[in-house]
């Protein structure tokens, strides 16, 4: 599965946002995602599996719990690809910042 296919799903993006804050047990992720998206535990588990199998997360056992963490490597590859296009919006944002600063004078 391509990185953008994985990141194109709002549930998986939200899981990565949560994990960017730090490690979390699977049960906590299920509770948050179920409440926010109204999906079942098996559906959340399936999203976690996609993230794990495609290298976006790691998982380790801690007793009976499974602790998930984000793995930055695939995200770095996405960032490197986006770097080719960053100049398009950086220039426009810089110009916007200049215009805003002029308007505040």
PDB file of N, CA and C in Angstrom:
ATOM      1  N   UNK A   1       0.847  -1.176   0.000  1.00  0.00           N
ATOM      2  CA  UNK A   1       0.000   0.000   0.000  1.00  0.00           C
ATOM      3  C   UNK A   1       0.893   1.240   0.000  1.00  0.00           C
ATOM      4  N   UNK A   2       0.548   2.230  -0.796  1.00  0.00           N
ATOM      5  CA  UNK A   2       1.320   3.464  -0.898  1.00  0.00           C
ATOM      6  C   UNK A   2       1.062   4.353   0.322  1.00  0.00           C
ATOM      7  N   UNK A   3       2.069   5.110   0.711  1.00  0.00           N
ATOM      8  CA  UNK A   3       1.960   5.964   1.897  1.00  0.00           C
ATOM      9  C   UNK A   3       0.758   6.901   1.827  1.00  0.00           C
ATOM     10  N   UNK A   4       0.484   7.449   0.646  1.00  0.00           N
ATOM     11  CA  UNK A   4      -0.635   8.385   0.544  1.00  0.00           C
ATOM     12  C   UNK A   4      -1.982   7.676   0.627  1.00  0.00           C
ATOM     13  N   UNK A   5      -2.037   6.406   0.259  1.00  0.00           N
ATOM     14  CA  UNK A   5      -3.261   5.627   0.466  1.00  0.00           C
ATOM     15  C   UNK A   5      -3.520   5.466   1.963  1.00  0.00           C
ATOM     16  N   UNK A   6      -2.459   5.232   2.697  1.00  0.00           N
ATOM     17  CA  UNK A   6      -2.574   5.053   4.144  1.00  0.00           C
ATOM     18  C   UNK A   6      -2.960   6.374   4.806  1.00  0.00           C
ATOM     19  N   UNK A   7      -2.275   7.448   4.423  1.00  0.00           N
ATOM     20  CA  UNK A   7      -2.527   8.751   5.025  1.00  0.00           C
ATOM     21  C   UNK A   7      -3.821   9.391   4.530  1.00  0.00           C
ATOM     22  N   UNK A   8      -4.380   8.869   3.461  1.00  0.00           N
ATOM     23  CA  UNK A   8      -5.623   9.405   2.921  1.00  0.00           C
ATOM     24  C   UNK A   8      -6.839   9.083   3.762  1.00  0.00           C
ATOM     25  N   UNK A   9      -6.705   8.164   4.681  1.00  0.00           N
ATOM     26  CA  UNK A   9      -7.832   7.775   5.523  1.00  0.00           C
ATOM     27  C   UNK A   9      -7.843   8.626   6.793  1.00  0.00           C
ATOM     28  N   UNK A  10      -8.950   9.303   7.103  1.00  0.00           N
ATOM     29  CA  UNK A  10      -8.987  10.178   8.282  1.00  0.00           C
ATOM     30  C   UNK A  10      -8.791   9.443   9.606  1.00  0.00           C
ATOM     31  N   UNK A  11      -9.228   8.209   9.701  1.00  0.00           N
ATOM     32  CA  UNK A  11      -9.037   7.448  10.942  1.00  0.00           C
ATOM     33  C   UNK A  11      -7.554   7.173  11.152  1.00  0.00           C
ATOM     34  N   UNK A  12      -6.870   6.743  10.107  1.00  0.00           N
ATOM     35  CA  UNK A  12      -5.438   6.460  10.247  1.00  0.00           C
ATOM     36  C   UNK A  12      -4.641   7.738  10.512  1.00  0.00           C
ATOM     37  N   UNK A  13      -5.038   8.837   9.872  1.00  0.00           N
ATOM     38  CA  UNK A  13      -4.357  10.106  10.167  1.00  0.00           C
ATOM     39  C   UNK A  13      -4.540  10.477  11.634  1.00  0.00           C
ATOM     40  N   UNK A  14      -5.743  10.295  12.157  1.00  0.00           N
ATOM     41  CA  UNK A  14      -6.003  10.633  13.563  1.00  0.00           C
ATOM     42  C   UNK A  14      -5.213   9.726  14.500  1.00  0.00           C
ATOM     43  N   UNK A  15      -5.126   8.453  14.164  1.00  0.00           N
ATOM     44  CA  UNK A  15      -4.314   7.538  14.974  1.00  0.00           C
ATOM     45  C   UNK A  15      -2.863   8.012  15.015  1.00  0.00           C
ATOM     46  N   UNK A  16      -2.326   8.421  13.877  1.00  0.00           N
ATOM     47  CA  UNK A  16      -0.948   8.909  13.841  1.00  0.00           C
ATOM     48  C   UNK A  16      -0.799  10.204  14.636  1.00  0.00           C
ATOM     49  N   UNK A  17      -1.798  11.081  14.574  1.00  0.00           N
ATOM     50  CA  UNK A  17      -1.761  12.308  15.378  1.00  0.00           C
ATOM     51  C   UNK A  17      -1.693  11.970  16.866  1.00  0.00           C
ATOM     52  N   UNK A  18      -2.514  11.031  17.292  1.00  0.00           N
ATOM     53  CA  UNK A  18      -2.514  10.623  18.698  1.00  0.00           C
ATOM     54  C   UNK A  18      -1.175  10.020  19.094  1.00  0.00           C
ATOM     55  N   UNK A  19      -0.628   9.190  18.226  1.00  0.00           N
ATOM     56  CA  UNK A  19       0.643   8.535  18.534  1.00  0.00           C
ATOM     57  C   UNK A  19       1.819   9.502  18.451  1.00  0.00           C
ATOM     58  N   UNK A  20       1.669  10.585  17.711  1.00  0.00           N
ATOM     59  CA  UNK A  20       2.732  11.596  17.654  1.00  0.00           C
ATOM     60  C   UNK A  20       2.920  12.258  19.020  1.00  0.00           C
ATOM     61  N   UNK A  21       1.889  12.213  19.849  1.00  0.00           N
ATOM     62  CA  UNK A  21       1.965  12.762  21.208  1.00  0.00           C
ATOM     63  C   UNK A  21       2.701  11.818  22.153  1.00  0.00           C
ATOM     64  N   UNK A  22       2.845  10.559  21.761  1.00  0.00           N
ATOM     65  CA  UNK A  22       3.526   9.572  22.585  1.00  0.00           C
ATOM     66  C   UNK A  22       2.866   8.211  22.481  1.00  0.00           C
ATOM     67  N   UNK A  23       3.525   7.220  23.039  1.00  0.00           N
ATOM     68  CA  UNK A  23       2.998   5.852  23.009  1.00  0.00           C
ATOM     69  C   UNK A  23       1.625   5.789  23.678  1.00  0.00           C
ATOM     70  N   UNK A  24       0.791   4.886  23.160  1.00  0.00           N
ATOM     71  CA  UNK A  24      -0.537   4.683  23.751  1.00  0.00           C
ATOM     72  C   UNK A  24      -0.917   3.215  23.640  1.00  0.00           C
ATOM     73  N   UNK A  25      -1.623   2.707  24.640  1.00  0.00           N
ATOM     74  CA  UNK A  25      -2.124   1.336  24.546  1.00  0.00           C
ATOM     75  C   UNK A  25      -3.251   1.251  23.517  1.00  0.00           C
ATOM     76  N   UNK A  26      -3.372   0.087  22.901  1.00  0.00           N
ATOM     77  CA  UNK A  26      -4.391  -0.125  21.874  1.00  0.00           C
ATOM     78  C   UNK A  26      -5.784   0.200  22.400  1.00  0.00           C
ATOM     79  N   UNK A  27      -6.081  -0.194  23.628  1.00  0.00           N
ATOM     80  CA  UNK A  27      -7.404   0.053  24.200  1.00  0.00           C
ATOM     81  C   UNK A  27      -7.745   1.533  24.281  1.00  0.00           C
ATOM     82  N   UNK A  28      -6.770   2.343  24.621  1.00  0.00           N
ATOM     83  CA  UNK A  28      -6.983   3.790  24.692  1.00  0.00           C
ATOM     84  C   UNK A  28      -7.246   4.360  23.296  1.00  0.00           C
ATOM     85  N   UNK A  29      -6.481   3.883  22.316  1.00  0.00           N
ATOM     86  CA  UNK A  29      -6.692   4.322  20.935  1.00  0.00           C
ATOM     87  C   UNK A  29      -8.084   3.938  20.448  1.00  0.00           C
ATOM     88  N   UNK A  30      -8.496   2.723  20.770  1.00  0.00           N
ATOM     89  CA  UNK A  30      -9.832   2.256  20.376  1.00  0.00           C
ATOM     90  C   UNK A  30     -10.900   3.151  20.999  1.00  0.00           C
ATOM     91  N   UNK A  31     -10.767   3.463  22.284  1.00  0.00           N
ATOM     92  CA  UNK A  31     -11.763   4.303  22.957  1.00  0.00           C
ATOM     93  C   UNK A  31     -11.876   5.676  22.296  1.00  0.00           C
ATOM     94  N   UNK A  32     -10.743   6.294  22.014  1.00  0.00           N
ATOM     95  CA  UNK A  32     -10.743   7.637  21.423  1.00  0.00           C
ATOM     96  C   UNK A  32     -11.332   7.611  20.015  1.00  0.00           C
ATOM     97  N   UNK A  33     -10.844   6.686  19.193  1.00  0.00           N
ATOM     98  CA  UNK A  33     -11.287   6.629  17.794  1.00  0.00           C
ATOM     99  C   UNK A  33     -12.755   6.229  17.706  1.00  0.00           C
ATOM    100  N   UNK A  34     -13.173   5.287  18.530  1.00  0.00           N
ATOM    101  CA  UNK A  34     -14.584   4.877  18.531  1.00  0.00           C
ATOM    102  C   UNK A  34     -15.488   6.053  18.870  1.00  0.00           C
ATOM    103  N   UNK A  35     -15.077   6.854  19.848  1.00  0.00           N
ATOM    104  CA  UNK A  35     -15.873   8.012  20.253  1.00  0.00           C
ATOM    105  C   UNK A  35     -15.894   9.089  19.166  1.00  0.00           C
ATOM    106  N   UNK A  36     -14.761   9.315  18.531  1.00  0.00           N
ATOM    107  CA  UNK A  36     -14.669  10.387  17.537  1.00  0.00           C
ATOM    108  C   UNK A  36     -15.292  10.015  16.193  1.00  0.00           C
ATOM    109  N   UNK A  37     -15.156   8.746  15.796  1.00  0.00           N
ATOM    110  CA  UNK A  37     -15.588   8.345  14.460  1.00  0.00           C
ATOM    111  C   UNK A  37     -16.795   7.412  14.465  1.00  0.00           C
ATOM    112  N   UNK A  38     -17.183   6.936  15.641  1.00  0.00           N
ATOM    113  CA  UNK A  38     -18.331   6.042  15.726  1.00  0.00           C
ATOM    114  C   UNK A  38     -18.109   4.695  15.060  1.00  0.00           C
ATOM    115  N   UNK A  39     -16.880   4.189  15.128  1.00  0.00           N
ATOM    116  CA  UNK A  39     -16.593   2.885  14.528  1.00  0.00           C
ATOM    117  C   UNK A  39     -16.285   1.866  15.626  1.00  0.00           C
ATOM    118  N   UNK A  40     -16.391   0.603  15.272  1.00  0.00           N
ATOM    119  CA  UNK A  40     -16.240  -0.488  16.238  1.00  0.00           C
ATOM    120  C   UNK A  40     -14.774  -0.770  16.569  1.00  0.00           C
ATOM    121  N   UNK A  41     -14.582  -1.527  17.642  1.00  0.00           N
ATOM    122  CA  UNK A  41     -13.234  -1.952  18.037  1.00  0.00           C
ATOM    123  C   UNK A  41     -12.555  -2.741  16.924  1.00  0.00           C
ATOM    124  N   UNK A  42     -13.232  -3.702  16.276  1.00  0.00           N
ATOM    125  CA  UNK A  42     -12.563  -4.418  15.185  1.00  0.00           C
ATOM    126  C   UNK A  42     -12.147  -3.497  14.033  1.00  0.00           C
ATOM    127  N   UNK A  43     -12.944  -2.472  13.762  1.00  0.00           N
ATOM    128  CA  UNK A  43     -12.590  -1.534  12.687  1.00  0.00           C
ATOM    129  C   UNK A  43     -11.341  -0.738  13.057  1.00  0.00           C
ATOM    130  N   UNK A  44     -11.257  -0.284  14.307  1.00  0.00           N
ATOM    131  CA  UNK A  44     -10.065   0.441  14.759  1.00  0.00           C
ATOM    132  C   UNK A  44      -8.858  -0.485  14.707  1.00  0.00           C
ATOM    133  N   UNK A  45      -9.029  -1.717  15.150  1.00  0.00           N
ATOM    134  CA  UNK A  45      -7.935  -2.696  15.115  1.00  0.00           C
ATOM    135  C   UNK A  45      -7.439  -2.917  13.694  1.00  0.00           C
ATOM    136  N   UNK A  46      -8.356  -2.916  12.747  1.00  0.00           N
ATOM    137  CA  UNK A  46      -7.972  -3.091  11.341  1.00  0.00           C
ATOM    138  C   UNK A  46      -7.124  -1.911  10.866  1.00  0.00           C
ATOM    139  N   UNK A  47      -7.485  -0.703  11.258  1.00  0.00           N
ATOM    140  CA  UNK A  47      -6.692   0.483  10.901  1.00  0.00           C
ATOM    141  C   UNK A  47      -5.305   0.414  11.543  1.00  0.00           C
ATOM    142  N   UNK A  48      -5.254  -0.017  12.801  1.00  0.00           N
ATOM    143  CA  UNK A  48      -3.959  -0.170  13.469  1.00  0.00           C
ATOM    144  C   UNK A  48      -3.101  -1.207  12.756  1.00  0.00           C
ATOM    145  N   UNK A  49      -3.731  -2.271  12.290  1.00  0.00           N
ATOM    146  CA  UNK A  49      -3.015  -3.317  11.559  1.00  0.00           C
ATOM    147  C   UNK A  49      -2.425  -2.760  10.264  1.00  0.00           C
ATOM    148  N   UNK A  50      -3.194  -1.969   9.543  1.00  0.00           N
ATOM    149  CA  UNK A  50      -2.697  -1.367   8.295  1.00  0.00           C
ATOM    150  C   UNK A  50      -1.489  -0.482   8.592  1.00  0.00           C
ATOM    151  N   UNK A  51      -1.586   0.335   9.629  1.00  0.00           N
ATOM    152  CA  UNK A  51      -0.462   1.197  10.003  1.00  0.00           C
ATOM    153  C   UNK A  51       0.765   0.371  10.374  1.00  0.00           C
ATOM    154  N   UNK A  52       0.552  -0.668  11.152  1.00  0.00           N
ATOM    155  CA  UNK A  52       1.654  -1.520  11.607  1.00  0.00           C
ATOM    156  C   UNK A  52       2.298  -2.264  10.445  1.00  0.00           C
ATOM    157  N   UNK A  53       1.485  -2.883   9.595  1.00  0.00           N
ATOM    158  CA  UNK A  53       2.019  -3.689   8.493  1.00  0.00           C
ATOM    159  C   UNK A  53       2.728  -2.851   7.435  1.00  0.00           C
ATOM    160  N   UNK A  54       2.429  -1.564   7.404  1.00  0.00           N
ATOM    161  CA  UNK A  54       3.072  -0.687   6.433  1.00  0.00           C
ATOM    162  C   UNK A  54       4.162   0.176   7.052  1.00  0.00           C
ATOM    163  N   UNK A  55       4.535  -0.148   8.289  1.00  0.00           N
ATOM    164  CA  UNK A  55       5.682   0.479   8.926  1.00  0.00           C
ATOM    165  C   UNK A  55       5.441   1.832   9.565  1.00  0.00           C
ATOM    166  N   UNK A  56       4.194   2.280   9.653  1.00  0.00           N
ATOM    167  CA  UNK A  56       3.914   3.581  10.243  1.00  0.00           C
ATOM    168  C   UNK A  56       3.886   3.540  11.766  1.00  0.00           C
ATOM    169  N   UNK A  57       3.680   2.352  12.326  1.00  0.00           N
ATOM    170  CA  UNK A  57       3.676   2.210  13.778  1.00  0.00           C
ATOM    171  C   UNK A  57       4.467   0.974  14.177  1.00  0.00           C
ATOM    172  N   UNK A  58       4.867   0.993  15.425  1.00  0.00           N
ATOM    173  CA  UNK A  58       5.448  -0.196  16.038  1.00  0.00           C
ATOM    174  C   UNK A  58       4.525  -0.581  17.190  1.00  0.00           C
ATOM    175  N   UNK A  59       4.619  -1.827  17.599  1.00  0.00           N
ATOM    176  CA  UNK A  59       3.807  -2.288  18.719  1.00  0.00           C
ATOM    177  C   UNK A  59       4.670  -3.194  19.583  1.00  0.00           C
ATOM    178  N   UNK A  60       4.485  -3.070  20.882  1.00  0.00           N
ATOM    179  CA  UNK A  60       5.202  -3.942  21.811  1.00  0.00           C
ATOM    180  C   UNK A  60       4.225  -4.396  22.882  1.00  0.00           C
ATOM    181  N   UNK A  61       4.498  -5.577  23.392  1.00  0.00           N
ATOM    182  CA  UNK A  61       3.655  -6.121  24.452  1.00  0.00           C
ATOM    183  C   UNK A  61       4.131  -5.585  25.790  1.00  0.00           C
ATOM    184  N   UNK A  62       3.165  -5.234  26.617  1.00  0.00           N
ATOM    185  CA  UNK A  62       3.440  -4.832  27.996  1.00  0.00           C
ATOM    186  C   UNK A  62       2.396  -5.535  28.851  1.00  0.00           C
ATOM    187  N   UNK A  63       2.763  -6.717  29.330  1.00  0.00           N
ATOM    188  CA  UNK A  63       1.771  -7.555  29.995  1.00  0.00           C
ATOM    189  C   UNK A  63       0.748  -8.006  28.963  1.00  0.00           C
ATOM    190  N   UNK A  64      -0.517  -7.741  29.244  1.00  0.00           N
ATOM    191  CA  UNK A  64      -1.581  -8.118  28.301  1.00  0.00           C
ATOM    192  C   UNK A  64      -1.908  -6.994  27.323  1.00  0.00           C
ATOM    193  N   UNK A  65      -1.303  -5.850  27.530  1.00  0.00           N
ATOM    194  CA  UNK A  65      -1.597  -4.698  26.674  1.00  0.00           C
ATOM    195  C   UNK A  65      -0.633  -4.633  25.489  1.00  0.00           C
ATOM    196  N   UNK A  66      -1.100  -4.017  24.419  1.00  0.00           N
ATOM    197  CA  UNK A  66      -0.271  -3.747  23.246  1.00  0.00           C
ATOM    198  C   UNK A  66      -0.082  -2.240  23.182  1.00  0.00           C
ATOM    199  N   UNK A  67       1.176  -1.828  23.220  1.00  0.00           N
ATOM    200  CA  UNK A  67       1.505  -0.407  23.233  1.00  0.00           C
ATOM    201  C   UNK A  67       1.972  -0.004  21.834  1.00  0.00           C
ATOM    202  N   UNK A  68       1.297   0.977  21.263  1.00  0.00           N
ATOM    203  CA  UNK A  68       1.617   1.459  19.919  1.00  0.00           C
ATOM    204  C   UNK A  68       2.444   2.735  19.997  1.00  0.00           C
ATOM    205  N   UNK A  69       3.323   2.884  19.018  1.00  0.00           N
ATOM    206  CA  UNK A  69       4.134   4.095  18.872  1.00  0.00           C
ATOM    207  C   UNK A  69       4.266   4.388  17.385  1.00  0.00           C
ATOM    208  N   UNK A  70       4.461   5.655  17.075  1.00  0.00           N
ATOM    209  CA  UNK A  70       4.645   6.035  15.676  1.00  0.00           C
ATOM    210  C   UNK A  70       6.071   5.685  15.251  1.00  0.00           C
ATOM    211  N   UNK A  71       6.232   5.258  14.017  1.00  0.00           N
ATOM    212  CA  UNK A  71       7.551   5.022  13.429  1.00  0.00           C
ATOM    213  C   UNK A  71       7.743   6.106  12.376  1.00  0.00           C
ATOM    214  N   UNK A  72       8.728   6.951  12.559  1.00  0.00           N
ATOM    215  CA  UNK A  72       8.891   8.138  11.720  1.00  0.00           C
ATOM    216  C   UNK A  72       9.405   7.849  10.312  1.00  0.00           C
ATOM    217  N   UNK A  73       9.984   6.693  10.077  1.00  0.00           N
ATOM    218  CA  UNK A  73      10.628   6.447   8.783  1.00  0.00           C
ATOM    219  C   UNK A  73       9.704   6.653   7.581  1.00  0.00           C
ATOM    220  N   UNK A  74       8.511   6.055   7.544  1.00  0.00           N
ATOM    221  CA  UNK A  74       7.648   6.297   6.378  1.00  0.00           C
ATOM    222  C   UNK A  74       7.218   7.757   6.260  1.00  0.00           C
ATOM    223  N   UNK A  75       7.062   8.429   7.390  1.00  0.00           N
ATOM    224  CA  UNK A  75       6.679   9.836   7.359  1.00  0.00           C
ATOM    225  C   UNK A  75       7.821  10.695   6.836  1.00  0.00           C
ATOM    226  N   UNK A  76       9.049  10.288   7.106  1.00  0.00           N
ATOM    227  CA  UNK A  76      10.198  11.008   6.562  1.00  0.00           C
ATOM    228  C   UNK A  76      10.234  10.879   5.047  1.00  0.00           C
ATOM    229  N   UNK A  77       9.879   9.708   4.541  1.00  0.00           N
ATOM    230  CA  UNK A  77       9.837   9.509   3.092  1.00  0.00           C
ATOM    231  C   UNK A  77       8.776  10.409   2.462  1.00  0.00           C
ATOM    232  N   UNK A  78       7.631  10.548   3.116  1.00  0.00           N
ATOM    233  CA  UNK A  78       6.577  11.441   2.624  1.00  0.00           C
ATOM    234  C   UNK A  78       7.077  12.884   2.652  1.00  0.00           C
ATOM    235  N   UNK A  79       7.734  13.267   3.737  1.00  0.00           N
ATOM    236  CA  UNK A  79       8.262  14.624   3.862  1.00  0.00           C
ATOM    237  C   UNK A  79       9.289  14.915   2.769  1.00  0.00           C
ATOM    238  N   UNK A  80      10.146  13.948   2.470  1.00  0.00           N
ATOM    239  CA  UNK A  80      11.138  14.133   1.407  1.00  0.00           C
ATOM    240  C   UNK A  80      10.456  14.330   0.058  1.00  0.00           C
ATOM    241  N   UNK A  81       9.389  13.582  -0.190  1.00  0.00           N
ATOM    242  CA  UNK A  81       8.664  13.737  -1.445  1.00  0.00           C
ATOM    243  C   UNK A  81       8.004  15.114  -1.509  1.00  0.00           C
ATOM    244  N   UNK A  82       7.405  15.534  -0.400  1.00  0.00           N
ATOM    245  CA  UNK A  82       6.745  16.841  -0.355  1.00  0.00           C
ATOM    246  C   UNK A  82       7.732  17.995  -0.478  1.00  0.00           C
ATOM    247  N   UNK A  83       8.987  17.776  -0.111  1.00  0.00           N
ATOM    248  CA  UNK A  83      10.002  18.827  -0.192  1.00  0.00           C
ATOM    249  C   UNK A  83      10.123  19.378  -1.606  1.00  0.00           C
ATOM    250  N   UNK A  84       9.862  18.549  -2.597  1.00  0.00           N
ATOM    251  CA  UNK A  84       9.930  19.000  -3.991  1.00  0.00           C
ATOM    252  C   UNK A  84       8.892  20.083  -4.275  1.00  0.00           C
ATOM    253  N   UNK A  85       7.828  20.109  -3.515  1.00  0.00           N
ATOM    254  CA  UNK A  85       6.717  21.027  -3.761  1.00  0.00           C
ATOM    255  C   UNK A  85       6.628  22.145  -2.728  1.00  0.00           C
ATOM    256  N   UNK A  86       7.400  22.030  -1.671  1.00  0.00           N
ATOM    257  CA  UNK A  86       7.328  22.985  -0.569  1.00  0.00           C
ATOM    258  C   UNK A  86       7.567  24.414  -1.035  1.00  0.00           C
ATOM    259  N   UNK A  87       8.442  24.587  -2.008  1.00  0.00           N
ATOM    260  CA  UNK A  87       8.740  25.924  -2.522  1.00  0.00           C
ATOM    261  C   UNK A  87       7.527  26.626  -3.095  1.00  0.00           C
ATOM    262  N   UNK A  88       6.581  25.872  -3.635  1.00  0.00           N
ATOM    263  CA  UNK A  88       5.384  26.478  -4.211  1.00  0.00           C
ATOM    264  C   UNK A  88       4.593  27.255  -3.168  1.00  0.00           C
ATOM    265  N   UNK A  89       4.369  26.637  -2.018  1.00  0.00           N
ATOM    266  CA  UNK A  89       3.555  27.324  -1.025  1.00  0.00           C
ATOM    267  C   UNK A  89       4.384  28.188  -0.089  1.00  0.00           C
ATOM    268  N   UNK A  90       5.660  27.885   0.116  1.00  0.00           N
ATOM    269  CA  UNK A  90       6.491  28.693   1.005  1.00  0.00           C
ATOM    270  C   UNK A  90       6.599  30.118   0.483  1.00  0.00           C
ATOM    271  N   UNK A  91       6.828  30.258  -0.807  1.00  0.00           N
ATOM    272  CA  UNK A  91       6.951  31.582  -1.413  1.00  0.00           C
ATOM    273  C   UNK A  91       5.656  32.378  -1.231  1.00  0.00           C
ATOM    274  N   UNK A  92       4.528  31.737  -1.452  1.00  0.00           N
ATOM    275  CA  UNK A  92       3.244  32.424  -1.311  1.00  0.00           C
ATOM    276  C   UNK A  92       2.950  32.778   0.147  1.00  0.00           C
ATOM    277  N   UNK A  93       3.305  31.906   1.057  1.00  0.00           N
ATOM    278  CA  UNK A  93       3.090  32.202   2.474  1.00  0.00           C
ATOM    279  C   UNK A  93       3.987  33.340   2.940  1.00  0.00           C
ATOM    280  N   UNK A  94       5.221  33.365   2.441  1.00  0.00           N
ATOM    281  CA  UNK A  94       6.120  34.475   2.776  1.00  0.00           C
ATOM    282  C   UNK A  94       5.549  35.795   2.276  1.00  0.00           C
ATOM    283  N   UNK A  95       5.030  35.792   1.046  1.00  0.00           N
ATOM    284  CA  UNK A  95       4.436  37.007   0.478  1.00  0.00           C
ATOM    285  C   UNK A  95       3.210  37.433   1.279  1.00  0.00           C
ATOM    286  N   UNK A  96       2.398  36.481   1.688  1.00  0.00           N
ATOM    287  CA  UNK A  96       1.225  36.784   2.502  1.00  0.00           C
ATOM    288  C   UNK A  96       1.645  37.402   3.831  1.00  0.00           C
ATOM    289  N   UNK A  97       2.670  36.837   4.444  1.00  0.00           N
ATOM    290  CA  UNK A  97       3.183  37.375   5.703  1.00  0.00           C
ATOM    291  C   UNK A  97       3.656  38.811   5.551  1.00  0.00           C
ATOM    292  N   UNK A  98       4.302  39.102   4.438  1.00  0.00           N
ATOM    293  CA  UNK A  98       4.762  40.464   4.163  1.00  0.00           C
ATOM    294  C   UNK A  98       3.578  41.413   4.032  1.00  0.00           C
ATOM    295  N   UNK A  99       2.554  40.994   3.299  1.00  0.00           N
ATOM    296  CA  UNK A  99       1.367  41.839   3.113  1.00  0.00           C
ATOM    297  C   UNK A  99       0.634  42.065   4.434  1.00  0.00           C
ATOM    298  N   UNK A 100       0.549  41.056   5.254  1.00  0.00           N
ATOM    299  CA  UNK A 100      -0.099  41.202   6.562  1.00  0.00           C
ATOM    300  C   UNK A 100       0.678  42.184   7.421  1.00  0.00           C
ATOM    301  N   UNK A 101       2.008  42.057   7.405  1.00  0.00           N
ATOM    302  CA  UNK A 101       2.851  42.968   8.181  1.00  0.00           C
ATOM    303  C   UNK A 101       2.685  44.406   7.694  1.00  0.00           C
ATOM    304  N   UNK A 102       2.581  44.602   6.392  1.00  0.00           N
ATOM    305  CA  UNK A 102       2.381  45.953   5.842  1.00  0.00           C
ATOM    306  C   UNK A 102       1.043  46.527   6.297  1.00  0.00           C
ATOM    307  N   UNK A 103       0.034  45.691   6.338  1.00  0.00           N
ATOM    308  CA  UNK A 103      -1.299  46.147   6.737  1.00  0.00           C
ATOM    309  C   UNK A 103      -1.388  46.537   8.197  1.00  0.00           C
ATOM    310  N   UNK A 104      -0.496  46.028   9.027  1.00  0.00           N
ATOM    311  CA  UNK A 104      -0.519  46.320  10.464  1.00  0.00           C
ATOM    312  C   UNK A 104       0.226  47.601  10.803  1.00  0.00           C
ATOM    313  N   UNK A 105       0.902  48.179   9.841  1.00  0.00           N
ATOM    314  CA  UNK A 105       1.694  49.392  10.125  1.00  0.00           C
ATOM    315  C   UNK A 105       0.823  50.595  10.276  1.00  0.00           C
TER     316      UNK A 105
END
